[in-house]
Amino acid sequence: MVKFMKNTISINLNRHFKFIYYNAKYKASPYLVSYVIKNKHNINRIGITTSKKIGNAVKRNKSKRLIVAAYTILEKKFPIGYDFVFVGRKQTPDVDFHLLFKHMEKNVNYLISIINRNKKND
């Protein structure tokens, strides 16, 4: 799914998703919920989920495509060594791409700053 990204591999296993859901920092926006946690690898990992509440398969796939497109542009700006999980919400398939892009960038930068701030305090 994300073979064209240089520093990113996809998360496929349910146990990895669950670990991130329960342990990562998260931030929600009207279009996207972002989970970020530091990993022990020299590569980023990304997982994208959408629920059936979004709509039929066409809408769910459109949501995933929008999220992947936004991430591929932002990948260069994000530091290496993090796991990202993005959860599409009901409004995701109908949102303007640039608005989704801004929300993703804002959410992830906020979460990375919190993770780094907590790391300095330890």
C-alpha atoms as a PDB file:
ATOM      1  CA  MET A   1       0.000   0.000   0.000  1.00  0.00           C
ATOM      2  CA  VAL A   2       2.728   2.511   0.873  1.00  0.00           C
ATOM      3  CA  LYS A   3       5.639   1.146  -1.169  1.00  0.00           C
ATOM      4  CA  PHE A   4       6.429   4.526  -2.723  1.00  0.00           C
ATOM      5  CA  MET A   5       7.319   6.134   0.607  1.00  0.00           C
ATOM      6  CA  LYS A   6      11.040   6.092   1.327  1.00  0.00           C
ATOM      7  CA  ASN A   7      11.190   6.039   5.125  1.00  0.00           C
ATOM      8  CA  THR A   8       7.853   4.415   5.890  1.00  0.00           C
ATOM      9  CA  ILE A   9       6.426   0.921   6.051  1.00  0.00           C
ATOM     10  CA  SER A  10       2.827   0.004   6.780  1.00  0.00           C
ATOM     11  CA  ILE A  11       1.431  -1.494   9.952  1.00  0.00           C
ATOM     12  CA  ASN A  12      -0.649  -4.577   9.191  1.00  0.00           C
ATOM     13  CA  LEU A  13      -0.917  -6.598  12.393  1.00  0.00           C
ATOM     14  CA  ASN A  14      -3.836  -6.087  14.742  1.00  0.00           C
ATOM     15  CA  ARG A  15      -1.591  -6.369  17.815  1.00  0.00           C
ATOM     16  CA  HIS A  16       0.510  -3.444  16.573  1.00  0.00           C
ATOM     17  CA  PHE A  17      -2.608  -1.319  16.075  1.00  0.00           C
ATOM     18  CA  LYS A  18      -3.860  -2.227  19.564  1.00  0.00           C
ATOM     19  CA  PHE A  19      -0.484  -1.420  21.131  1.00  0.00           C
ATOM     20  CA  ILE A  20      -0.515   2.008  19.492  1.00  0.00           C
ATOM     21  CA  TYR A  21      -4.145   2.706  20.438  1.00  0.00           C
ATOM     22  CA  TYR A  22      -3.504   1.955  24.105  1.00  0.00           C
ATOM     23  CA  ASN A  23      -0.026   3.486  24.519  1.00  0.00           C
ATOM     24  CA  ALA A  24       0.316   6.344  22.036  1.00  0.00           C
ATOM     25  CA  LYS A  25      -0.507  10.004  22.387  1.00  0.00           C
ATOM     26  CA  TYR A  26      -3.482  11.014  20.295  1.00  0.00           C
ATOM     27  CA  LYS A  27      -5.215  14.114  19.013  1.00  0.00           C
ATOM     28  CA  ALA A  28      -8.588  14.301  17.341  1.00  0.00           C
ATOM     29  CA  SER A  29      -9.844  16.765  14.779  1.00  0.00           C
ATOM     30  CA  PRO A  30     -13.201  16.781  12.972  1.00  0.00           C
ATOM     31  CA  TYR A  31     -11.694  14.879  10.042  1.00  0.00           C
ATOM     32  CA  LEU A  32      -8.993  12.694  11.528  1.00  0.00           C
ATOM     33  CA  VAL A  33      -7.743  11.071  14.726  1.00  0.00           C
ATOM     34  CA  SER A  34      -3.953  10.867  14.869  1.00  0.00           C
ATOM     35  CA  TYR A  35      -1.986   8.510  17.115  1.00  0.00           C
ATOM     36  CA  VAL A  36       1.797   8.909  17.455  1.00  0.00           C
ATOM     37  CA  ILE A  37       4.314   6.895  19.464  1.00  0.00           C
ATOM     38  CA  LYS A  38       8.087   6.595  19.274  1.00  0.00           C
ATOM     39  CA  ASN A  39       9.322   3.236  17.987  1.00  0.00           C
ATOM     40  CA  LYS A  40      12.673   1.483  18.325  1.00  0.00           C
ATOM     41  CA  HIS A  41      13.378   1.368  14.600  1.00  0.00           C
ATOM     42  CA  ASN A  42      15.117   3.705  12.189  1.00  0.00           C
ATOM     43  CA  ILE A  43      11.995   3.922  10.074  1.00  0.00           C
ATOM     44  CA  ASN A  44       8.483   5.298  10.377  1.00  0.00           C
ATOM     45  CA  ARG A  45       5.476   3.011  10.337  1.00  0.00           C
ATOM     46  CA  ILE A  46       1.983   4.077   9.285  1.00  0.00           C
ATOM     47  CA  GLY A  47      -1.409   2.500   9.812  1.00  0.00           C
ATOM     48  CA  ILE A  48      -4.684   3.783   8.400  1.00  0.00           C
ATOM     49  CA  THR A  49      -8.102   2.662   9.544  1.00  0.00           C
ATOM     50  CA  THR A  50     -11.650   3.633   8.759  1.00  0.00           C
ATOM     51  CA  SER A  51     -14.791   2.226  10.271  1.00  0.00           C
ATOM     52  CA  LYS A  52     -18.015   1.209   8.590  1.00  0.00           C
ATOM     53  CA  LYS A  53     -19.624   4.294  10.139  1.00  0.00           C
ATOM     54  CA  ILE A  54     -17.960   6.358   7.396  1.00  0.00           C
ATOM     55  CA  GLY A  55     -20.045   4.702   4.713  1.00  0.00           C
ATOM     56  CA  ASN A  56     -19.692   2.122   1.984  1.00  0.00           C
ATOM     57  CA  ALA A  57     -16.401   0.753   0.652  1.00  0.00           C
ATOM     58  CA  VAL A  58     -16.042   3.573  -1.870  1.00  0.00           C
ATOM     59  CA  LYS A  59     -16.111   6.232   0.861  1.00  0.00           C
ATOM     60  CA  ARG A  60     -13.786   4.249   3.131  1.00  0.00           C
ATOM     61  CA  ASN A  61     -11.261   3.805   0.326  1.00  0.00           C
ATOM     62  CA  LYS A  62     -11.481   7.487  -0.588  1.00  0.00           C
ATOM     63  CA  SER A  63     -10.739   8.358   3.034  1.00  0.00           C
ATOM     64  CA  LYS A  64      -7.701   6.083   3.024  1.00  0.00           C
ATOM     65  CA  ARG A  65      -6.438   7.525  -0.254  1.00  0.00           C
ATOM     66  CA  LEU A  66      -6.746  11.083   1.063  1.00  0.00           C
ATOM     67  CA  ILE A  67      -4.879  10.179   4.254  1.00  0.00           C
ATOM     68  CA  VAL A  68      -2.088   8.406   2.337  1.00  0.00           C
ATOM     69  CA  ALA A  69      -1.747  11.345  -0.072  1.00  0.00           C
ATOM     70  CA  ALA A  70      -1.456  13.829   2.791  1.00  0.00           C
ATOM     71  CA  TYR A  71       1.070  11.639   4.585  1.00  0.00           C
ATOM     72  CA  THR A  72       3.274  11.195   1.509  1.00  0.00           C
ATOM     73  CA  ILE A  73       3.616  14.961   1.199  1.00  0.00           C
ATOM     74  CA  LEU A  74       4.282  15.400   4.919  1.00  0.00           C
ATOM     75  CA  GLU A  75       6.618  12.409   5.265  1.00  0.00           C
ATOM     76  CA  LYS A  76       9.715  14.526   4.660  1.00  0.00           C
ATOM     77  CA  LYS A  77       8.759  16.912   7.474  1.00  0.00           C
ATOM     78  CA  PHE A  78       8.243  14.219  10.105  1.00  0.00           C
ATOM     79  CA  PRO A  79      11.184  12.873  12.117  1.00  0.00           C
ATOM     80  CA  ILE A  80      12.266   9.258  11.693  1.00  0.00           C
ATOM     81  CA  GLY A  81      11.485   6.615  14.313  1.00  0.00           C
ATOM     82  CA  TYR A  82       7.772   7.059  14.974  1.00  0.00           C
ATOM     83  CA  ASP A  83       4.626   5.005  14.503  1.00  0.00           C
ATOM     84  CA  PHE A  84       1.615   6.836  13.107  1.00  0.00           C
ATOM     85  CA  VAL A  85      -1.962   5.591  13.037  1.00  0.00           C
ATOM     86  CA  PHE A  86      -4.612   7.704  11.369  1.00  0.00           C
ATOM     87  CA  VAL A  87      -8.297   6.976  11.828  1.00  0.00           C
ATOM     88  CA  GLY A  88     -10.704   8.413   9.307  1.00  0.00           C
ATOM     89  CA  ARG A  89     -13.885   9.989  10.598  1.00  0.00           C
ATOM     90  CA  LYS A  90     -17.336  10.427   9.075  1.00  0.00           C
ATOM     91  CA  GLN A  91     -16.446  13.749   7.412  1.00  0.00           C
ATOM     92  CA  THR A  92     -13.110  12.547   5.968  1.00  0.00           C
ATOM     93  CA  PRO A  93     -14.289  11.440   2.481  1.00  0.00           C
ATOM     94  CA  ASP A  94     -16.030  14.770   1.849  1.00  0.00           C
ATOM     95  CA  VAL A  95     -13.343  17.121   3.169  1.00  0.00           C
ATOM     96  CA  ASP A  96     -11.106  19.280   0.987  1.00  0.00           C
ATOM     97  CA  PHE A  97      -7.652  17.712   0.692  1.00  0.00           C
ATOM     98  CA  HIS A  98      -5.831  20.862   1.830  1.00  0.00           C
ATOM     99  CA  LEU A  99      -7.899  21.045   4.992  1.00  0.00           C
ATOM    100  CA  LEU A 100      -7.159  17.403   5.812  1.00  0.00           C
ATOM    101  CA  PHE A 101      -3.478  18.084   5.078  1.00  0.00           C
ATOM    102  CA  LYS A 102      -3.414  21.021   7.530  1.00  0.00           C
ATOM    103  CA  HIS A 103      -5.153  19.028  10.250  1.00  0.00           C
ATOM    104  CA  MET A 104      -2.765  16.099   9.855  1.00  0.00           C
ATOM    105  CA  GLU A 105       0.296  18.344   9.983  1.00  0.00           C
ATOM    106  CA  LYS A 106      -1.001  20.241  13.003  1.00  0.00           C
ATOM    107  CA  ASN A 107      -1.979  17.086  14.917  1.00  0.00           C
ATOM    108  CA  VAL A 108       1.269  15.212  14.285  1.00  0.00           C
ATOM    109  CA  ASN A 109       3.529  18.179  15.052  1.00  0.00           C
ATOM    110  CA  TYR A 110       1.629  18.777  18.294  1.00  0.00           C
ATOM    111  CA  LEU A 111       1.929  15.126  19.330  1.00  0.00           C
ATOM    112  CA  ILE A 112       5.632  14.913  18.493  1.00  0.00           C
ATOM    113  CA  SER A 113       6.289  18.051  20.537  1.00  0.00           C
ATOM    114  CA  ILE A 114       4.458  16.490  23.517  1.00  0.00           C
ATOM    115  CA  ILE A 115       6.439  13.253  23.183  1.00  0.00           C
ATOM    116  CA  ASN A 116       9.723  15.157  23.010  1.00  0.00           C
ATOM    117  CA  ARG A 117       8.741  17.387  25.952  1.00  0.00           C
ATOM    118  CA  ASN A 118       7.924  14.331  28.084  1.00  0.00           C
ATOM    119  CA  LYS A 119      11.203  12.714  27.057  1.00  0.00           C
ATOM    120  CA  LYS A 120      13.179  15.776  28.252  1.00  0.00           C
ATOM    121  CA  ASN A 121      11.374  15.787  31.607  1.00  0.00           C
ATOM    122  CA  ASP A 122      12.245  12.136  32.322  1.00  0.00           C
END
